[in-house]
Amino acid sequence: MTDAELTEALRYEIGEFGGGSGPDTVDYAYQKSGLKIWGGWKWPNPHTTKPLFQGTATMAEARRLFGIRKPSDDRQLSLFGGM
């Protein structure tokens, strides 16, 4: 996926704003605008707490976590006998 494609996919999946919490789990919040993700053992306040990931850091973590490579990544070519 290109950066533009990944940005749109993340915005779609994240939605406008939301989050979750539960007993003995990490609480989290997310916001489509700015691709922001907060987390912690106590509900993170998006108005006062710095996000764990934002913008390009969110995209980089999504690429790492889900193995999403950029089309320009040379390492992919070796799969097809290139470079």
Protein backbone atom coordinates (compact mmCIF):
# COMPACT_ATOMS: atom_id res chain seq x y z
CA MET A 1 0.00 0.00 0.00
CA THR A 2 1.16 3.52 -0.69
CA ASP A 3 1.18 6.05 2.16
CA ALA A 4 -1.98 7.64 0.74
CA GLU A 5 -3.77 4.27 0.53
CA LEU A 6 -2.69 3.32 4.06
CA THR A 7 -3.79 6.71 5.42
CA GLU A 8 -7.27 6.29 3.94
CA ALA A 9 -7.53 2.69 5.15
CA LEU A 10 -6.53 3.69 8.69
CA ARG A 11 -8.97 6.63 8.71
CA TYR A 12 -11.75 4.30 7.60
CA GLU A 13 -10.95 1.67 10.23
CA ILE A 14 -10.33 4.15 13.06
CA GLY A 15 -13.50 6.15 12.47
CA GLU A 16 -14.16 9.60 13.87
CA PHE A 17 -13.43 8.87 17.53
CA GLY A 18 -13.77 5.97 19.92
CA GLY A 19 -12.04 3.70 22.36
CA GLY A 20 -12.42 0.83 24.73
CA SER A 21 -11.72 -0.32 28.23
CA GLY A 22 -12.26 -3.29 30.47
CA PRO A 23 -11.10 -4.95 33.65
CA ASP A 24 -7.42 -5.97 33.58
CA THR A 25 -6.90 -4.64 30.05
CA VAL A 26 -5.21 -1.61 28.57
CA ASP A 27 -7.65 1.24 27.93
CA TYR A 28 -7.39 2.98 24.57
CA ALA A 29 -8.80 5.84 22.55
CA TYR A 30 -8.41 6.75 18.90
CA GLN A 31 -9.20 9.66 16.59
CA LYS A 32 -9.33 9.69 12.79
CA SER A 33 -8.14 13.28 12.57
CA GLY A 34 -4.36 13.10 12.83
CA LEU A 35 -4.43 9.28 13.08
CA LYS A 36 -4.03 9.53 16.86
CA ILE A 37 -3.99 6.57 19.26
CA TRP A 38 -3.84 6.81 23.05
CA GLY A 39 -3.46 4.00 25.56
CA GLY A 40 -2.78 3.19 29.19
CA TRP A 41 -3.89 1.23 32.24
CA LYS A 42 -6.15 4.14 33.12
CA TRP A 43 -8.49 5.71 30.54
CA PRO A 44 -6.35 8.20 28.55
CA ASN A 45 -7.77 11.69 28.35
CA PRO A 46 -7.28 12.78 24.71
CA HIS A 47 -7.52 16.43 25.79
CA THR A 48 -4.63 16.27 28.24
CA THR A 49 -2.60 13.17 27.32
CA LYS A 50 -0.10 12.95 24.47
CA PRO A 51 -0.99 10.19 21.95
CA LEU A 52 1.19 7.06 21.84
CA PHE A 53 1.04 7.24 18.05
CA GLN A 54 0.13 10.10 15.74
CA GLY A 55 0.29 10.67 11.99
CA THR A 56 3.31 9.01 10.39
CA ALA A 57 4.11 7.14 13.63
CA THR A 58 0.67 5.49 13.45
CA MET A 59 1.31 4.54 9.83
CA ALA A 60 4.77 3.15 10.66
CA GLU A 61 3.36 1.06 13.51
CA ALA A 62 0.54 -0.26 11.30
CA ARG A 63 3.11 -1.22 8.66
CA ARG A 64 5.24 -2.99 11.27
CA LEU A 65 2.37 -4.71 13.09
CA PHE A 66 0.53 -5.96 10.00
CA GLY A 67 3.52 -6.43 7.67
CA ILE A 68 2.27 -3.81 5.20
CA ARG A 69 5.12 -2.84 2.90
CA LYS A 70 5.41 0.21 0.68
CA PRO A 71 5.32 -0.47 -3.07
CA SER A 72 8.78 1.14 -3.32
CA ASP A 73 10.31 -1.30 -0.79
CA ASP A 74 13.16 -3.03 -2.67
CA ARG A 75 12.97 -6.11 -0.44
CA GLN A 76 9.72 -7.11 -2.17
CA LEU A 77 11.46 -7.47 -5.52
CA SER A 78 13.52 -10.42 -4.29
CA LEU A 79 10.29 -12.40 -3.98
CA PHE A 80 9.85 -12.22 -7.75
CA GLY A 81 13.48 -12.71 -8.79
CA GLY A 82 14.30 -9.00 -9.06
CA MET A 83 17.32 -7.27 -7.54
